[in-house]
């Protein structure tokens, strides 16, 4: 799984202005921040370690 721009604010590497612009944009758009937070939480619930460790354990158990 990957995080898209609905879940993360992408910035240009090694570009402090890009980071500053992203921070200001999120500051000015609380509804976007809220939506991104909700989307990130959904993705983490699905793909974060607590969920994925179950998949890995089942895979290893099946292999044994």
PDB file of N, CA and C in Angstrom:
ATOM      1  N   UNK A   1       0.843  -1.188   0.000  1.00  0.00           N
ATOM      2  CA  UNK A   1       0.000   0.000   0.000  1.00  0.00           C
ATOM      3  C   UNK A   1       0.879   1.239   0.000  1.00  0.00           C
ATOM      4  N   UNK A   2       0.349   2.274  -0.502  1.00  0.00           N
ATOM      5  CA  UNK A   2       1.096   3.523  -0.469  1.00  0.00           C
ATOM      6  C   UNK A   2       0.165   4.652  -0.051  1.00  0.00           C
ATOM      7  N   UNK A   3       0.758   5.678   0.427  1.00  0.00           N
ATOM      8  CA  UNK A   3      -0.001   6.852   0.834  1.00  0.00           C
ATOM      9  C   UNK A   3      -0.061   7.808  -0.349  1.00  0.00           C
ATOM     10  N   UNK A   4      -1.253   8.303  -0.644  1.00  0.00           N
ATOM     11  CA  UNK A   4      -1.403   9.250  -1.743  1.00  0.00           C
ATOM     12  C   UNK A   4      -1.596  10.650  -1.172  1.00  0.00           C
ATOM     13  N   UNK A   5      -1.853  11.615  -2.041  1.00  0.00           N
ATOM     14  CA  UNK A   5      -1.962  12.989  -1.554  1.00  0.00           C
ATOM     15  C   UNK A   5      -3.260  13.259  -0.807  1.00  0.00           C
ATOM     16  N   UNK A   6      -4.113  12.238  -0.658  1.00  0.00           N
ATOM     17  CA  UNK A   6      -5.273  12.367   0.231  1.00  0.00           C
ATOM     18  C   UNK A   6      -4.879  12.095   1.674  1.00  0.00           C
ATOM     19  N   UNK A   7      -3.677  11.539   1.864  1.00  0.00           N
ATOM     20  CA  UNK A   7      -3.247  11.158   3.199  1.00  0.00           C
ATOM     21  C   UNK A   7      -1.966  11.865   3.645  1.00  0.00           C
ATOM     22  N   UNK A   8      -1.241  12.412   2.719  1.00  0.00           N
ATOM     23  CA  UNK A   8       0.071  12.973   3.051  1.00  0.00           C
ATOM     24  C   UNK A   8       0.317  14.214   2.197  1.00  0.00           C
ATOM     25  N   UNK A   9       0.998  15.174   2.759  1.00  0.00           N
ATOM     26  CA  UNK A   9       1.377  16.364   1.992  1.00  0.00           C
ATOM     27  C   UNK A   9       2.788  16.134   1.465  1.00  0.00           C
ATOM     28  N   UNK A  10       2.908  15.956   0.186  1.00  0.00           N
ATOM     29  CA  UNK A  10       4.213  15.723  -0.417  1.00  0.00           C
ATOM     30  C   UNK A  10       4.931  17.048  -0.621  1.00  0.00           C
ATOM     31  N   UNK A  11       6.244  17.008  -0.454  1.00  0.00           N
ATOM     32  CA  UNK A  11       7.079  18.192  -0.668  1.00  0.00           C
ATOM     33  C   UNK A  11       8.259  17.795  -1.542  1.00  0.00           C
ATOM     34  N   UNK A  12       8.861  18.788  -2.136  1.00  0.00           N
ATOM     35  CA  UNK A  12      10.046  18.559  -2.955  1.00  0.00           C
ATOM     36  C   UNK A  12      11.248  18.334  -2.028  1.00  0.00           C
ATOM     37  N   UNK A  13      11.976  17.244  -2.224  1.00  0.00           N
ATOM     38  CA  UNK A  13      13.144  16.987  -1.374  1.00  0.00           C
ATOM     39  C   UNK A  13      14.155  18.135  -1.429  1.00  0.00           C
ATOM     40  N   UNK A  14      14.772  18.393  -0.309  1.00  0.00           N
ATOM     41  CA  UNK A  14      15.815  19.422  -0.200  1.00  0.00           C
ATOM     42  C   UNK A  14      15.318  20.809  -0.601  1.00  0.00           C
ATOM     43  N   UNK A  15      14.030  21.052  -0.406  1.00  0.00           N
ATOM     44  CA  UNK A  15      13.459  22.353  -0.755  1.00  0.00           C
ATOM     45  C   UNK A  15      12.682  22.887   0.446  1.00  0.00           C
ATOM     46  N   UNK A  16      13.338  23.678   1.292  1.00  0.00           N
ATOM     47  CA  UNK A  16      12.663  24.208   2.482  1.00  0.00           C
ATOM     48  C   UNK A  16      11.408  25.015   2.152  1.00  0.00           C
ATOM     49  N   UNK A  17      11.407  25.702   1.031  1.00  0.00           N
ATOM     50  CA  UNK A  17      10.228  26.490   0.668  1.00  0.00           C
ATOM     51  C   UNK A  17       9.041  25.582   0.384  1.00  0.00           C
ATOM     52  N   UNK A  18       9.293  24.453  -0.237  1.00  0.00           N
ATOM     53  CA  UNK A  18       8.234  23.483  -0.503  1.00  0.00           C
ATOM     54  C   UNK A  18       7.625  22.992   0.812  1.00  0.00           C
ATOM     55  N   UNK A  19       8.470  22.709   1.793  1.00  0.00           N
ATOM     56  CA  UNK A  19       7.990  22.282   3.107  1.00  0.00           C
ATOM     57  C   UNK A  19       7.184  23.398   3.766  1.00  0.00           C
ATOM     58  N   UNK A  20       7.702  24.603   3.719  1.00  0.00           N
ATOM     59  CA  UNK A  20       7.002  25.745   4.316  1.00  0.00           C
ATOM     60  C   UNK A  20       5.643  25.949   3.651  1.00  0.00           C
ATOM     61  N   UNK A  21       5.603  25.856   2.339  1.00  0.00           N
ATOM     62  CA  UNK A  21       4.337  26.021   1.614  1.00  0.00           C
ATOM     63  C   UNK A  21       3.325  24.961   2.027  1.00  0.00           C
ATOM     64  N   UNK A  22       3.777  23.723   2.189  1.00  0.00           N
ATOM     65  CA  UNK A  22       2.879  22.640   2.595  1.00  0.00           C
ATOM     66  C   UNK A  22       2.335  22.876   3.998  1.00  0.00           C
ATOM     67  N   UNK A  23       3.191  23.336   4.902  1.00  0.00           N
ATOM     68  CA  UNK A  23       2.756  23.611   6.273  1.00  0.00           C
ATOM     69  C   UNK A  23       1.728  24.729   6.291  1.00  0.00           C
ATOM     70  N   UNK A  24       2.002  25.800   5.579  1.00  0.00           N
ATOM     71  CA  UNK A  24       1.069  26.931   5.530  1.00  0.00           C
ATOM     72  C   UNK A  24      -0.251  26.501   4.902  1.00  0.00           C
ATOM     73  N   UNK A  25      -0.182  25.709   3.840  1.00  0.00           N
ATOM     74  CA  UNK A  25      -1.403  25.240   3.185  1.00  0.00           C
ATOM     75  C   UNK A  25      -2.266  24.433   4.157  1.00  0.00           C
ATOM     76  N   UNK A  26      -1.644  23.542   4.903  1.00  0.00           N
ATOM     77  CA  UNK A  26      -2.407  22.752   5.875  1.00  0.00           C
ATOM     78  C   UNK A  26      -2.937  23.619   7.011  1.00  0.00           C
ATOM     79  N   UNK A  27      -2.169  24.589   7.418  1.00  0.00           N
ATOM     80  CA  UNK A  27      -2.623  25.521   8.453  1.00  0.00           C
ATOM     81  C   UNK A  27      -3.865  26.275   7.995  1.00  0.00           C
ATOM     82  N   UNK A  28      -3.869  26.683   6.758  1.00  0.00           N
ATOM     83  CA  UNK A  28      -4.971  27.495   6.226  1.00  0.00           C
ATOM     84  C   UNK A  28      -6.211  26.675   5.856  1.00  0.00           C
ATOM     85  N   UNK A  29      -6.078  25.360   5.791  1.00  0.00           N
ATOM     86  CA  UNK A  29      -7.192  24.506   5.376  1.00  0.00           C
ATOM     87  C   UNK A  29      -7.451  23.402   6.404  1.00  0.00           C
ATOM     88  N   UNK A  30      -8.086  23.772   7.507  1.00  0.00           N
ATOM     89  CA  UNK A  30      -8.327  22.773   8.560  1.00  0.00           C
ATOM     90  C   UNK A  30      -9.183  21.601   8.091  1.00  0.00           C
ATOM     91  N   UNK A  31     -10.077  21.832   7.147  1.00  0.00           N
ATOM     92  CA  UNK A  31     -10.897  20.731   6.641  1.00  0.00           C
ATOM     93  C   UNK A  31     -10.041  19.719   5.881  1.00  0.00           C
ATOM     94  N   UNK A  32      -9.036  20.192   5.174  1.00  0.00           N
ATOM     95  CA  UNK A  32      -8.118  19.289   4.477  1.00  0.00           C
ATOM     96  C   UNK A  32      -7.277  18.508   5.490  1.00  0.00           C
ATOM     97  N   UNK A  33      -6.796  19.208   6.525  1.00  0.00           N
ATOM     98  CA  UNK A  33      -6.035  18.523   7.588  1.00  0.00           C
ATOM     99  C   UNK A  33      -6.859  17.406   8.201  1.00  0.00           C
ATOM    100  N   UNK A  34      -8.105  17.698   8.496  1.00  0.00           N
ATOM    101  CA  UNK A  34      -8.991  16.712   9.115  1.00  0.00           C
ATOM    102  C   UNK A  34      -9.202  15.517   8.182  1.00  0.00           C
ATOM    103  N   UNK A  35      -9.459  15.794   6.918  1.00  0.00           N
ATOM    104  CA  UNK A  35      -9.672  14.715   5.951  1.00  0.00           C
ATOM    105  C   UNK A  35      -8.404  13.875   5.784  1.00  0.00           C
ATOM    106  N   UNK A  36      -7.255  14.528   5.746  1.00  0.00           N
ATOM    107  CA  UNK A  36      -5.999  13.791   5.617  1.00  0.00           C
ATOM    108  C   UNK A  36      -5.747  12.924   6.847  1.00  0.00           C
ATOM    109  N   UNK A  37      -6.053  13.457   8.021  1.00  0.00           N
ATOM    110  CA  UNK A  37      -5.878  12.694   9.254  1.00  0.00           C
ATOM    111  C   UNK A  37      -6.758  11.454   9.245  1.00  0.00           C
ATOM    112  N   UNK A  38      -7.992  11.618   8.822  1.00  0.00           N
ATOM    113  CA  UNK A  38      -8.918  10.472   8.762  1.00  0.00           C
ATOM    114  C   UNK A  38      -8.438   9.441   7.745  1.00  0.00           C
ATOM    115  N   UNK A  39      -7.991   9.893   6.588  1.00  0.00           N
ATOM    116  CA  UNK A  39      -7.517   8.974   5.552  1.00  0.00           C
ATOM    117  C   UNK A  39      -6.256   8.231   6.007  1.00  0.00           C
ATOM    118  N   UNK A  40      -5.355   8.945   6.649  1.00  0.00           N
ATOM    119  CA  UNK A  40      -4.146   8.308   7.146  1.00  0.00           C
ATOM    120  C   UNK A  40      -4.479   7.262   8.203  1.00  0.00           C
ATOM    121  N   UNK A  41      -5.428   7.568   9.077  1.00  0.00           N
ATOM    122  CA  UNK A  41      -5.843   6.609  10.107  1.00  0.00           C
ATOM    123  C   UNK A  41      -6.440   5.356   9.461  1.00  0.00           C
ATOM    124  N   UNK A  42      -7.226   5.539   8.409  1.00  0.00           N
ATOM    125  CA  UNK A  42      -7.799   4.380   7.687  1.00  0.00           C
ATOM    126  C   UNK A  42      -6.687   3.511   7.102  1.00  0.00           C
ATOM    127  N   UNK A  43      -5.730   4.144   6.465  1.00  0.00           N
ATOM    128  CA  UNK A  43      -4.630   3.400   5.848  1.00  0.00           C
ATOM    129  C   UNK A  43      -3.780   2.703   6.900  1.00  0.00           C
ATOM    130  N   UNK A  44      -3.530   3.382   8.008  1.00  0.00           N
ATOM    131  CA  UNK A  44      -2.730   2.762   9.053  1.00  0.00           C
ATOM    132  C   UNK A  44      -3.463   1.566   9.651  1.00  0.00           C
ATOM    133  N   UNK A  45      -4.764   1.687   9.847  1.00  0.00           N
ATOM    134  CA  UNK A  45      -5.536   0.566  10.397  1.00  0.00           C
ATOM    135  C   UNK A  45      -5.437  -0.650   9.480  1.00  0.00           C
ATOM    136  N   UNK A  46      -5.364  -0.417   8.199  1.00  0.00           N
ATOM    137  CA  UNK A  46      -5.304  -1.499   7.225  1.00  0.00           C
ATOM    138  C   UNK A  46      -3.881  -2.013   6.996  1.00  0.00           C
ATOM    139  N   UNK A  47      -2.901  -1.112   6.978  1.00  0.00           N
ATOM    140  CA  UNK A  47      -1.560  -1.491   6.565  1.00  0.00           C
ATOM    141  C   UNK A  47      -0.483  -1.306   7.631  1.00  0.00           C
ATOM    142  N   UNK A  48      -0.834  -0.789   8.774  1.00  0.00           N
ATOM    143  CA  UNK A  48       0.145  -0.602   9.844  1.00  0.00           C
ATOM    144  C   UNK A  48       0.564  -1.933  10.451  1.00  0.00           C
ATOM    145  N   UNK A  49       1.577  -1.880  11.289  1.00  0.00           N
ATOM    146  CA  UNK A  49       2.122  -3.105  11.867  1.00  0.00           C
ATOM    147  C   UNK A  49       1.092  -3.941  12.618  1.00  0.00           C
ATOM    148  N   UNK A  50       0.207  -3.363  13.428  1.00  0.00           N
ATOM    149  CA  UNK A  50      -0.755  -4.217  14.141  1.00  0.00           C
ATOM    150  C   UNK A  50      -1.577  -5.118  13.207  1.00  0.00           C
ATOM    151  N   UNK A  51      -1.953  -4.602  12.055  1.00  0.00           N
ATOM    152  CA  UNK A  51      -2.719  -5.413  11.098  1.00  0.00           C
ATOM    153  C   UNK A  51      -1.798  -6.327  10.293  1.00  0.00           C
ATOM    154  N   UNK A  52      -0.657  -5.825   9.874  1.00  0.00           N
ATOM    155  CA  UNK A  52       0.223  -6.594   9.006  1.00  0.00           C
ATOM    156  C   UNK A  52       0.941  -7.731   9.727  1.00  0.00           C
ATOM    157  N   UNK A  53       1.168  -7.583  11.036  1.00  0.00           N
ATOM    158  CA  UNK A  53       1.849  -8.678  11.735  1.00  0.00           C
ATOM    159  C   UNK A  53       0.997  -9.942  11.703  1.00  0.00           C
ATOM    160  N   UNK A  54      -0.336  -9.785  11.697  1.00  0.00           N
ATOM    161  CA  UNK A  54      -1.225 -10.951  11.590  1.00  0.00           C
ATOM    162  C   UNK A  54      -1.026 -11.651  10.246  1.00  0.00           C
ATOM    163  N   UNK A  55      -0.886 -10.870   9.204  1.00  0.00           N
ATOM    164  CA  UNK A  55      -0.656 -11.423   7.871  1.00  0.00           C
ATOM    165  C   UNK A  55       0.685 -12.158   7.835  1.00  0.00           C
ATOM    166  N   UNK A  56       1.726 -11.535   8.380  1.00  0.00           N
ATOM    167  CA  UNK A  56       3.052 -12.159   8.382  1.00  0.00           C
ATOM    168  C   UNK A  56       3.066 -13.446   9.206  1.00  0.00           C
ATOM    169  N   UNK A  57       2.439 -13.419  10.370  1.00  0.00           N
ATOM    170  CA  UNK A  57       2.418 -14.612  11.222  1.00  0.00           C
ATOM    171  C   UNK A  57       1.692 -15.754  10.521  1.00  0.00           C
ATOM    172  N   UNK A  58       0.549 -15.461   9.902  1.00  0.00           N
ATOM    173  CA  UNK A  58      -0.185 -16.506   9.169  1.00  0.00           C
ATOM    174  C   UNK A  58       0.657 -17.074   8.026  1.00  0.00           C
ATOM    175  N   UNK A  59       1.383 -16.198   7.342  1.00  0.00           N
ATOM    176  CA  UNK A  59       2.230 -16.639   6.241  1.00  0.00           C
ATOM    177  C   UNK A  59       3.334 -17.567   6.738  1.00  0.00           C
ATOM    178  N   UNK A  60       3.995 -17.180   7.821  1.00  0.00           N
ATOM    179  CA  UNK A  60       5.062 -18.018   8.370  1.00  0.00           C
ATOM    180  C   UNK A  60       4.513 -19.321   8.941  1.00  0.00           C
ATOM    181  N   UNK A  61       3.374 -19.273   9.591  1.00  0.00           N
ATOM    182  CA  UNK A  61       2.774 -20.489  10.121  1.00  0.00           C
ATOM    183  C   UNK A  61       2.419 -21.454   8.987  1.00  0.00           C
ATOM    184  N   UNK A  62       1.911 -20.921   7.907  1.00  0.00           N
ATOM    185  CA  UNK A  62       1.564 -21.763   6.752  1.00  0.00           C
ATOM    186  C   UNK A  62       2.817 -22.386   6.146  1.00  0.00           C
ATOM    187  N   UNK A  63       3.911 -21.641   6.164  1.00  0.00           N
ATOM    188  CA  UNK A  63       5.162 -22.164   5.596  1.00  0.00           C
ATOM    189  C   UNK A  63       5.788 -23.237   6.457  1.00  0.00           C
ATOM    190  N   UNK A  64       5.499 -23.206   7.742  1.00  0.00           N
ATOM    191  CA  UNK A  64       6.057 -24.210   8.642  1.00  0.00           C
ATOM    192  C   UNK A  64       5.244 -25.456   8.556  1.00  0.00           C
TER     193      UNK A  64
END
